Amino acid sequence: MSNETINRIKVVLVEQRKTNKWLAEKLGKTQATVSRWAGNKAQPSLDKLVEIARLLKVEARILLIRKVKLRKCLVISNRVSLCVIYHGAISFICALG
């Protein structure tokens, strides 16, 4: 994967005065793994992205850069939407809530 910025994990961690080490401990991952995610050298799975959002008490979409476009969004309830998101050649389905 290129070094293109896809997520804002590092930005949100700094905004909340949290560290990669803190997030790694909460997720049960190595600090190196979280560092790769925060540096956009690798991307977490959608499940992990949603879990990171929950831990940081933000919506999952806040962890994605604004260039990421929603293709379709279906409101499942007043708290959860199921969305197809794409960024260049990357497409995935995400539950946002």
PDB file of N, CA and C in Angstrom:
ATOM      1  N   MET A   1       0.848  -1.178   0.000  1.00  0.00           N
ATOM      2  CA  MET A   1       0.000   0.000   0.000  1.00  0.00           C
ATOM      3  C   MET A   1       0.890   1.237   0.000  1.00  0.00           C
ATOM      4  N   SER A   2       0.491   2.268  -0.693  1.00  0.00           N
ATOM      5  CA  SER A   2       1.260   3.502  -0.734  1.00  0.00           C
ATOM      6  C   SER A   2       1.184   4.218   0.611  1.00  0.00           C
ATOM      7  N   ASN A   3       1.986   5.260   0.736  1.00  0.00           N
ATOM      8  CA  ASN A   3       1.982   6.031   1.974  1.00  0.00           C
ATOM      9  C   ASN A   3       0.909   7.119   1.951  1.00  0.00           C
ATOM     10  N   GLU A   4      -0.131   6.907   1.176  1.00  0.00           N
ATOM     11  CA  GLU A   4      -1.226   7.857   1.093  1.00  0.00           C
ATOM     12  C   GLU A   4      -1.959   7.920   2.432  1.00  0.00           C
ATOM     13  N   THR A   5      -2.334   9.102   2.837  1.00  0.00           N
ATOM     14  CA  THR A   5      -3.052   9.277   4.097  1.00  0.00           C
ATOM     15  C   THR A   5      -4.504   8.875   3.909  1.00  0.00           C
ATOM     16  N   ILE A   6      -4.918   7.850   4.651  1.00  0.00           N
ATOM     17  CA  ILE A   6      -6.296   7.373   4.580  1.00  0.00           C
ATOM     18  C   ILE A   6      -7.001   7.577   5.910  1.00  0.00           C
ATOM     19  N   ASN A   7      -6.268   7.393   7.010  1.00  0.00           N
ATOM     20  CA  ASN A   7      -6.916   7.548   8.316  1.00  0.00           C
ATOM     21  C   ASN A   7      -6.332   8.709   9.107  1.00  0.00           C
ATOM     22  N   ARG A   8      -7.067   9.116  10.118  1.00  0.00           N
ATOM     23  CA  ARG A   8      -6.683  10.229  10.993  1.00  0.00           C
ATOM     24  C   ARG A   8      -6.441   9.749  12.424  1.00  0.00           C
ATOM     25  N   ILE A   9      -6.042   8.493  12.582  1.00  0.00           N
ATOM     26  CA  ILE A   9      -5.850   7.941  13.922  1.00  0.00           C
ATOM     27  C   ILE A   9      -4.847   8.773  14.713  1.00  0.00           C
ATOM     28  N   LYS A  10      -3.724   9.107  14.103  1.00  0.00           N
ATOM     29  CA  LYS A  10      -2.683   9.881  14.795  1.00  0.00           C
ATOM     30  C   LYS A  10      -3.218  11.247  15.244  1.00  0.00           C
ATOM     31  N   VAL A  11      -3.953  11.898  14.360  1.00  0.00           N
ATOM     32  CA  VAL A  11      -4.500  13.225  14.664  1.00  0.00           C
ATOM     33  C   VAL A  11      -5.449  13.154  15.859  1.00  0.00           C
ATOM     34  N   VAL A  12      -6.343  12.165  15.846  1.00  0.00           N
ATOM     35  CA  VAL A  12      -7.327  12.041  16.923  1.00  0.00           C
ATOM     36  C   VAL A  12      -6.642  11.656  18.237  1.00  0.00           C
ATOM     37  N   LEU A  13      -5.630  10.792  18.178  1.00  0.00           N
ATOM     38  CA  LEU A  13      -4.881  10.454  19.387  1.00  0.00           C
ATOM     39  C   LEU A  13      -4.244  11.706  19.990  1.00  0.00           C
ATOM     40  N   VAL A  14      -3.629  12.530  19.151  1.00  0.00           N
ATOM     41  CA  VAL A  14      -2.997  13.768  19.639  1.00  0.00           C
ATOM     42  C   VAL A  14      -4.048  14.712  20.211  1.00  0.00           C
ATOM     43  N   GLU A  15      -5.173  14.861  19.512  1.00  0.00           N
ATOM     44  CA  GLU A  15      -6.245  15.735  19.995  1.00  0.00           C
ATOM     45  C   GLU A  15      -6.731  15.312  21.378  1.00  0.00           C
ATOM     46  N   GLN A  16      -6.739  14.000  21.616  1.00  0.00           N
ATOM     47  CA  GLN A  16      -7.238  13.485  22.891  1.00  0.00           C
ATOM     48  C   GLN A  16      -6.126  13.218  23.900  1.00  0.00           C
ATOM     49  N   ARG A  17      -4.915  13.614  23.541  1.00  0.00           N
ATOM     50  CA  ARG A  17      -3.745  13.427  24.421  1.00  0.00           C
ATOM     51  C   ARG A  17      -3.568  11.968  24.830  1.00  0.00           C
ATOM     52  N   LYS A  18      -3.732  11.105  23.836  1.00  0.00           N
ATOM     53  CA  LYS A  18      -3.536   9.671  24.036  1.00  0.00           C
ATOM     54  C   LYS A  18      -2.345   9.244  23.177  1.00  0.00           C
ATOM     55  N   THR A  19      -1.758   8.112  23.497  1.00  0.00           N
ATOM     56  CA  THR A  19      -0.573   7.642  22.796  1.00  0.00           C
ATOM     57  C   THR A  19      -0.837   6.349  22.038  1.00  0.00           C
ATOM     58  N   ASN A  20       0.077   6.035  21.122  1.00  0.00           N
ATOM     59  CA  ASN A  20       0.014   4.753  20.427  1.00  0.00           C
ATOM     60  C   ASN A  20       0.073   3.614  21.440  1.00  0.00           C
ATOM     61  N   LYS A  21       0.891   3.792  22.464  1.00  0.00           N
ATOM     62  CA  LYS A  21       1.036   2.759  23.498  1.00  0.00           C
ATOM     63  C   LYS A  21      -0.302   2.514  24.195  1.00  0.00           C
ATOM     64  N   TRP A  22      -0.998   3.585  24.549  1.00  0.00           N
ATOM     65  CA  TRP A  22      -2.312   3.465  25.208  1.00  0.00           C
ATOM     66  C   TRP A  22      -3.267   2.674  24.320  1.00  0.00           C
ATOM     67  N   LEU A  23      -3.335   3.068  23.027  1.00  0.00           N
ATOM     68  CA  LEU A  23      -4.256   2.409  22.104  1.00  0.00           C
ATOM     69  C   LEU A  23      -3.872   0.945  21.906  1.00  0.00           C
ATOM     70  N   ALA A  24      -2.589   0.666  21.779  1.00  0.00           N
ATOM     71  CA  ALA A  24      -2.121  -0.712  21.609  1.00  0.00           C
ATOM     72  C   ALA A  24      -2.542  -1.584  22.793  1.00  0.00           C
ATOM     73  N   GLU A  25      -2.390  -1.052  23.988  1.00  0.00           N
ATOM     74  CA  GLU A  25      -2.779  -1.808  25.189  1.00  0.00           C
ATOM     75  C   GLU A  25      -4.279  -2.083  25.206  1.00  0.00           C
ATOM     76  N   LYS A  26      -5.080  -1.078  24.849  1.00  0.00           N
ATOM     77  CA  LYS A  26      -6.537  -1.236  24.847  1.00  0.00           C
ATOM     78  C   LYS A  26      -6.996  -2.251  23.797  1.00  0.00           C
ATOM     79  N   LEU A  27      -6.277  -2.313  22.665  1.00  0.00           N
ATOM     80  CA  LEU A  27      -6.657  -3.200  21.572  1.00  0.00           C
ATOM     81  C   LEU A  27      -6.018  -4.582  21.664  1.00  0.00           C
ATOM     82  N   GLY A  28      -5.020  -4.718  22.539  1.00  0.00           N
ATOM     83  CA  GLY A  28      -4.298  -5.979  22.613  1.00  0.00           C
ATOM     84  C   GLY A  28      -3.400  -6.193  21.405  1.00  0.00           C
ATOM     85  N   LYS A  29      -2.912  -5.106  20.841  1.00  0.00           N
ATOM     86  CA  LYS A  29      -2.014  -5.134  19.686  1.00  0.00           C
ATOM     87  C   LYS A  29      -0.643  -4.617  20.101  1.00  0.00           C
ATOM     88  N   THR A  30       0.352  -4.835  19.257  1.00  0.00           N
ATOM     89  CA  THR A  30       1.677  -4.296  19.568  1.00  0.00           C
ATOM     90  C   THR A  30       1.696  -2.800  19.266  1.00  0.00           C
ATOM     91  N   GLN A  31       2.600  -2.121  19.916  1.00  0.00           N
ATOM     92  CA  GLN A  31       2.755  -0.689  19.677  1.00  0.00           C
ATOM     93  C   GLN A  31       3.209  -0.453  18.233  1.00  0.00           C
ATOM     94  N   ALA A  32       3.993  -1.376  17.689  1.00  0.00           N
ATOM     95  CA  ALA A  32       4.460  -1.260  16.302  1.00  0.00           C
ATOM     96  C   ALA A  32       3.284  -1.302  15.323  1.00  0.00           C
ATOM     97  N   THR A  33       2.319  -2.169  15.584  1.00  0.00           N
ATOM     98  CA  THR A  33       1.137  -2.270  14.715  1.00  0.00           C
ATOM     99  C   THR A  33       0.355  -0.963  14.734  1.00  0.00           C
ATOM    100  N   VAL A  34       0.098  -0.451  15.917  1.00  0.00           N
ATOM    101  CA  VAL A  34      -0.646   0.812  16.036  1.00  0.00           C
ATOM    102  C   VAL A  34       0.141   1.952  15.401  1.00  0.00           C
ATOM    103  N   SER A  35       1.447   1.936  15.545  1.00  0.00           N
ATOM    104  CA  SER A  35       2.289   2.964  14.934  1.00  0.00           C
ATOM    105  C   SER A  35       2.171   2.932  13.405  1.00  0.00           C
ATOM    106  N   ARG A  36       2.120   1.731  12.828  1.00  0.00           N
ATOM    107  CA  ARG A  36       1.944   1.621  11.368  1.00  0.00           C
ATOM    108  C   ARG A  36       0.587   2.174  10.943  1.00  0.00           C
ATOM    109  N   TRP A  37      -0.445   1.884  11.744  1.00  0.00           N
ATOM    110  CA  TRP A  37      -1.769   2.428  11.424  1.00  0.00           C
ATOM    111  C   TRP A  37      -1.763   3.946  11.529  1.00  0.00           C
ATOM    112  N   ALA A  38      -1.229   4.456  12.625  1.00  0.00           N
ATOM    113  CA  ALA A  38      -1.222   5.913  12.865  1.00  0.00           C
ATOM    114  C   ALA A  38      -0.383   6.643  11.817  1.00  0.00           C
ATOM    115  N   GLY A  39       0.638   5.980  11.299  1.00  0.00           N
ATOM    116  CA  GLY A  39       1.485   6.583  10.275  1.00  0.00           C
ATOM    117  C   GLY A  39       1.012   6.300   8.860  1.00  0.00           C
ATOM    118  N   ASN A  40      -0.137   5.647   8.729  1.00  0.00           N
ATOM    119  CA  ASN A  40      -0.714   5.302   7.430  1.00  0.00           C
ATOM    120  C   ASN A  40       0.201   4.423   6.584  1.00  0.00           C
ATOM    121  N   LYS A  41       1.039   3.647   7.233  1.00  0.00           N
ATOM    122  CA  LYS A  41       1.877   2.669   6.527  1.00  0.00           C
ATOM    123  C   LYS A  41       1.080   1.378   6.306  1.00  0.00           C
ATOM    124  N   ALA A  42       0.046   1.173   7.109  1.00  0.00           N
ATOM    125  CA  ALA A  42      -0.892   0.056   7.011  1.00  0.00           C
ATOM    126  C   ALA A  42      -2.226   0.569   7.532  1.00  0.00           C
ATOM    127  N   GLN A  43      -3.291  -0.158   7.254  1.00  0.00           N
ATOM    128  CA  GLN A  43      -4.618   0.260   7.699  1.00  0.00           C
ATOM    129  C   GLN A  43      -5.243  -0.823   8.563  1.00  0.00           C
ATOM    130  N   PRO A  44      -5.938  -0.426   9.624  1.00  0.00           N
ATOM    131  CA  PRO A  44      -6.630  -1.426  10.444  1.00  0.00           C
ATOM    132  C   PRO A  44      -7.825  -1.985   9.677  1.00  0.00           C
ATOM    133  N   SER A  45      -8.263  -3.165  10.086  1.00  0.00           N
ATOM    134  CA  SER A  45      -9.483  -3.732   9.503  1.00  0.00           C
ATOM    135  C   SER A  45     -10.657  -2.840   9.899  1.00  0.00           C
ATOM    136  N   LEU A  46     -11.769  -3.023   9.237  1.00  0.00           N
ATOM    137  CA  LEU A  46     -12.958  -2.234   9.584  1.00  0.00           C
ATOM    138  C   LEU A  46     -13.399  -2.495  11.016  1.00  0.00           C
ATOM    139  N   ASP A  47     -13.310  -3.753  11.426  1.00  0.00           N
ATOM    140  CA  ASP A  47     -13.672  -4.072  12.812  1.00  0.00           C
ATOM    141  C   ASP A  47     -12.791  -3.304  13.782  1.00  0.00           C
ATOM    142  N   LYS A  48     -11.490  -3.267  13.500  1.00  0.00           N
ATOM    143  CA  LYS A  48     -10.559  -2.556  14.382  1.00  0.00           C
ATOM    144  C   LYS A  48     -10.813  -1.052  14.326  1.00  0.00           C
ATOM    145  N   LEU A  49     -11.119  -0.531  13.133  1.00  0.00           N
ATOM    146  CA  LEU A  49     -11.395   0.896  13.009  1.00  0.00           C
ATOM    147  C   LEU A  49     -12.595   1.289  13.858  1.00  0.00           C
ATOM    148  N   VAL A  50     -13.633   0.465  13.832  1.00  0.00           N
ATOM    149  CA  VAL A  50     -14.830   0.723  14.643  1.00  0.00           C
ATOM    150  C   VAL A  50     -14.478   0.612  16.127  1.00  0.00           C
ATOM    151  N   GLU A  51     -13.644  -0.368  16.492  1.00  0.00           N
ATOM    152  CA  GLU A  51     -13.231  -0.520  17.886  1.00  0.00           C
ATOM    153  C   GLU A  51     -12.392   0.684  18.347  1.00  0.00           C
ATOM    154  N   ILE A  52     -11.498   1.152  17.474  1.00  0.00           N
ATOM    155  CA  ILE A  52     -10.691   2.339  17.795  1.00  0.00           C
ATOM    156  C   ILE A  52     -11.602   3.534  18.019  1.00  0.00           C
ATOM    157  N   ALA A  53     -12.590   3.702  17.151  1.00  0.00           N
ATOM    158  CA  ALA A  53     -13.552   4.807  17.298  1.00  0.00           C
ATOM    159  C   ALA A  53     -14.269   4.718  18.641  1.00  0.00           C
ATOM    160  N   ARG A  54     -14.684   3.516  19.007  1.00  0.00           N
ATOM    161  CA  ARG A  54     -15.377   3.327  20.288  1.00  0.00           C
ATOM    162  C   ARG A  54     -14.467   3.718  21.449  1.00  0.00           C
ATOM    163  N   LEU A  55     -13.211   3.278  21.410  1.00  0.00           N
ATOM    164  CA  LEU A  55     -12.272   3.599  22.480  1.00  0.00           C
ATOM    165  C   LEU A  55     -12.004   5.099  22.574  1.00  0.00           C
ATOM    166  N   LEU A  56     -11.960   5.757  21.420  1.00  0.00           N
ATOM    167  CA  LEU A  56     -11.692   7.197  21.396  1.00  0.00           C
ATOM    168  C   LEU A  56     -12.964   8.027  21.520  1.00  0.00           C
ATOM    169  N   LYS A  57     -14.114   7.331  21.589  1.00  0.00           N
ATOM    170  CA  LYS A  57     -15.413   7.990  21.748  1.00  0.00           C
ATOM    171  C   LYS A  57     -15.691   8.998  20.627  1.00  0.00           C
ATOM    172  N   VAL A  58     -15.428   8.533  19.394  1.00  0.00           N
ATOM    173  CA  VAL A  58     -15.739   9.326  18.203  1.00  0.00           C
ATOM    174  C   VAL A  58     -16.459   8.416  17.214  1.00  0.00           C
ATOM    175  N   GLU A  59     -17.115   9.013  16.241  1.00  0.00           N
ATOM    176  CA  GLU A  59     -17.726   8.225  15.179  1.00  0.00           C
ATOM    177  C   GLU A  59     -16.606   7.701  14.285  1.00  0.00           C
ATOM    178  N   ALA A  60     -16.796   6.518  13.713  1.00  0.00           N
ATOM    179  CA  ALA A  60     -15.765   5.910  12.863  1.00  0.00           C
ATOM    180  C   ALA A  60     -15.375   6.823  11.708  1.00  0.00           C
ATOM    181  N   ARG A  61     -16.326   7.566  11.176  1.00  0.00           N
ATOM    182  CA  ARG A  61     -16.026   8.446  10.042  1.00  0.00           C
ATOM    183  C   ARG A  61     -15.015   9.534  10.400  1.00  0.00           C
ATOM    184  N   ILE A  62     -14.936   9.900  11.681  1.00  0.00           N
ATOM    185  CA  ILE A  62     -13.974  10.909  12.130  1.00  0.00           C
ATOM    186  C   ILE A  62     -12.541  10.412  11.945  1.00  0.00           C
ATOM    187  N   LEU A  63     -12.367   9.094  11.955  1.00  0.00           N
ATOM    188  CA  LEU A  63     -11.033   8.514  11.798  1.00  0.00           C
ATOM    189  C   LEU A  63     -10.603   8.415  10.340  1.00  0.00           C
ATOM    190  N   LEU A  64     -11.485   8.751   9.405  1.00  0.00           N
ATOM    191  CA  LEU A  64     -11.157   8.712   7.988  1.00  0.00           C
ATOM    192  C   LEU A  64     -10.944  10.119   7.467  1.00  0.00           C
ATOM    193  N   ILE A  65     -10.017  10.265   6.524  1.00  0.00           N
ATOM    194  CA  ILE A  65      -9.797  11.599   5.964  1.00  0.00           C
ATOM    195  C   ILE A  65     -10.989  12.027   5.152  1.00  0.00           C
ATOM    196  N   ARG A  66     -11.103  13.292   4.912  1.00  0.00           N
ATOM    197  CA  ARG A  66     -12.280  13.820   4.214  1.00  0.00           C
ATOM    198  C   ARG A  66     -12.340  13.437   2.748  1.00  0.00           C
ATOM    199  N   LYS A  67     -11.204  13.050   2.148  1.00  0.00           N
ATOM    200  CA  LYS A  67     -11.214  12.641   0.742  1.00  0.00           C
ATOM    201  C   LYS A  67     -11.924  11.306   0.548  1.00  0.00           C
ATOM    202  N   VAL A  68     -12.121  10.579   1.635  1.00  0.00           N
ATOM    203  CA  VAL A  68     -12.842   9.317   1.539  1.00  0.00           C
ATOM    204  C   VAL A  68     -14.297   9.642   1.263  1.00  0.00           C
ATOM    205  N   LYS A  69     -14.857   9.039   0.243  1.00  0.00           N
ATOM    206  CA  LYS A  69     -16.210   9.389  -0.181  1.00  0.00           C
ATOM    207  C   LYS A  69     -17.189   8.283   0.164  1.00  0.00           C
ATOM    208  N   LEU A  70     -18.344   8.684   0.596  1.00  0.00           N
ATOM    209  CA  LEU A  70     -19.429   7.730   0.817  1.00  0.00           C
ATOM    210  C   LEU A  70     -20.112   7.498  -0.523  1.00  0.00           C
ATOM    211  N   ARG A  71     -20.204   6.253  -0.911  1.00  0.00           N
ATOM    212  CA  ARG A  71     -20.877   5.936  -2.173  1.00  0.00           C
ATOM    213  C   ARG A  71     -22.371   5.790  -1.930  1.00  0.00           C
ATOM    214  N   LYS A  72     -22.737   5.006  -0.944  1.00  0.00           N
ATOM    215  CA  LYS A  72     -24.144   4.822  -0.591  1.00  0.00           C
ATOM    216  C   LYS A  72     -24.225   4.664   0.917  1.00  0.00           C
ATOM    217  N   CYS A  73     -25.292   5.126   1.480  1.00  0.00           N
ATOM    218  CA  CYS A  73     -25.474   5.010   2.919  1.00  0.00           C
ATOM    219  C   CYS A  73     -26.932   4.650   3.187  1.00  0.00           C
ATOM    220  N   LEU A  74     -27.140   3.606   3.975  1.00  0.00           N
ATOM    221  CA  LEU A  74     -28.484   3.145   4.323  1.00  0.00           C
ATOM    222  C   LEU A  74     -28.653   3.293   5.827  1.00  0.00           C
ATOM    223  N   VAL A  75     -29.629   4.056   6.246  1.00  0.00           N
ATOM    224  CA  VAL A  75     -29.886   4.242   7.664  1.00  0.00           C
ATOM    225  C   VAL A  75     -30.642   3.011   8.165  1.00  0.00           C
ATOM    226  N   ILE A  76     -30.012   2.300   9.107  1.00  0.00           N
ATOM    227  CA  ILE A  76     -30.618   1.099   9.671  1.00  0.00           C
ATOM    228  C   ILE A  76     -31.497   1.447  10.857  1.00  0.00           C
ATOM    229  N   SER A  77     -31.042   2.365  11.673  1.00  0.00           N
ATOM    230  CA  SER A  77     -31.821   2.861  12.805  1.00  0.00           C
ATOM    231  C   SER A  77     -31.402   4.305  13.020  1.00  0.00           C
ATOM    232  N   ASN A  78     -31.939   4.939  14.038  1.00  0.00           N
ATOM    233  CA  ASN A  78     -31.572   6.335  14.289  1.00  0.00           C
ATOM    234  C   ASN A  78     -30.139   6.465  14.814  1.00  0.00           C
ATOM    235  N   ARG A  79     -29.470   5.326  15.111  1.00  0.00           N
ATOM    236  CA  ARG A  79     -28.108   5.380  15.643  1.00  0.00           C
ATOM    237  C   ARG A  79     -27.067   4.729  14.745  1.00  0.00           C
ATOM    238  N   VAL A  80     -27.498   3.926  13.764  1.00  0.00           N
ATOM    239  CA  VAL A  80     -26.536   3.173  12.954  1.00  0.00           C
ATOM    240  C   VAL A  80     -26.865   3.316  11.473  1.00  0.00           C
ATOM    241  N   SER A  81     -25.832   3.551  10.670  1.00  0.00           N
ATOM    242  CA  SER A  81     -25.962   3.574   9.219  1.00  0.00           C
ATOM    243  C   SER A  81     -24.982   2.566   8.639  1.00  0.00           C
ATOM    244  N   LEU A  82     -25.352   1.916   7.573  1.00  0.00           N
ATOM    245  CA  LEU A  82     -24.483   0.997   6.866  1.00  0.00           C
ATOM    246  C   LEU A  82     -24.051   1.714   5.598  1.00  0.00           C
ATOM    247  N   CYS A  83     -22.750   1.890   5.433  1.00  0.00           N
ATOM    248  CA  CYS A  83     -22.256   2.700   4.332  1.00  0.00           C
ATOM    249  C   CYS A  83     -21.243   1.947   3.482  1.00  0.00           C
ATOM    250  N   VAL A  84     -21.278   2.210   2.183  1.00  0.00           N
ATOM    251  CA  VAL A  84     -20.232   1.745   1.276  1.00  0.00           C
ATOM    252  C   VAL A  84     -19.316   2.937   1.081  1.00  0.00           C
ATOM    253  N   ILE A  85     -18.049   2.742   1.418  1.00  0.00           N
ATOM    254  CA  ILE A  85     -17.076   3.827   1.395  1.00  0.00           C
ATOM    255  C   ILE A  85     -15.997   3.467   0.392  1.00  0.00           C
ATOM    256  N   TYR A  86     -15.495   4.458  -0.341  1.00  0.00           N
ATOM    257  CA  TYR A  86     -14.371   4.150  -1.208  1.00  0.00           C
ATOM    258  C   TYR A  86     -13.345   5.270  -1.152  1.00  0.00           C
ATOM    259  N   HIS A  87     -12.109   4.865  -1.388  1.00  0.00           N
ATOM    260  CA  HIS A  87     -10.988   5.786  -1.456  1.00  0.00           C
ATOM    261  C   HIS A  87     -10.098   5.261  -2.558  1.00  0.00           C
ATOM    262  N   GLY A  88     -10.163   5.872  -3.717  1.00  0.00           N
ATOM    263  CA  GLY A  88      -9.412   5.355  -4.849  1.00  0.00           C
ATOM    264  C   GLY A  88      -9.891   3.951  -5.187  1.00  0.00           C
ATOM    265  N   ALA A  89      -8.981   2.998  -5.175  1.00  0.00           N
ATOM    266  CA  ALA A  89      -9.319   1.615  -5.525  1.00  0.00           C
ATOM    267  C   ALA A  89      -9.818   0.826  -4.328  1.00  0.00           C
ATOM    268  N   ILE A  90      -9.803   1.424  -3.152  1.00  0.00           N
ATOM    269  CA  ILE A  90     -10.195   0.715  -1.929  1.00  0.00           C
ATOM    270  C   ILE A  90     -11.683   0.954  -1.679  1.00  0.00           C
ATOM    271  N   SER A  91     -12.441  -0.123  -1.551  1.00  0.00           N
ATOM    272  CA  SER A  91     -13.867  -0.014  -1.219  1.00  0.00           C
ATOM    273  C   SER A  91     -14.157  -0.933  -0.046  1.00  0.00           C
ATOM    274  N   PHE A  92     -15.015  -0.493   0.828  1.00  0.00           N
ATOM    275  CA  PHE A  92     -15.407  -1.347   1.942  1.00  0.00           C
ATOM    276  C   PHE A  92     -16.761  -0.904   2.479  1.00  0.00           C
ATOM    277  N   ILE A  93     -17.367  -1.811   3.246  1.00  0.00           N
ATOM    278  CA  ILE A  93     -18.656  -1.530   3.872  1.00  0.00           C
ATOM    279  C   ILE A  93     -18.403  -1.300   5.355  1.00  0.00           C
ATOM    280  N   CYS A  94     -19.035  -0.308   5.907  1.00  0.00           N
ATOM    281  CA  CYS A  94     -18.797   0.042   7.302  1.00  0.00           C
ATOM    282  C   CYS A  94     -20.117   0.409   7.968  1.00  0.00           C
ATOM    283  N   ALA A  95     -20.276  -0.052   9.191  1.00  0.00           N
ATOM    284  CA  ALA A  95     -21.420   0.365   9.996  1.00  0.00           C
ATOM    285  C   ALA A  95     -20.962   1.571  10.816  1.00  0.00           C
ATOM    286  N   LEU A  96     -21.621   2.678  10.641  1.00  0.00           N
ATOM    287  CA  LEU A  96     -21.270   3.899  11.366  1.00  0.00           C
ATOM    288  C   LEU A  96     -22.348   4.169  12.409  1.00  0.00           C
ATOM    289  N   GLY A  97     -21.927   4.511  13.573  1.00  0.00           N
ATOM    290  CA  GLY A  97     -22.911   4.777  14.617  1.00  0.00           C
ATOM    291  C   GLY A  97     -22.312   5.473  15.777  1.00  0.00           C
TER     292      GLY A  97
END
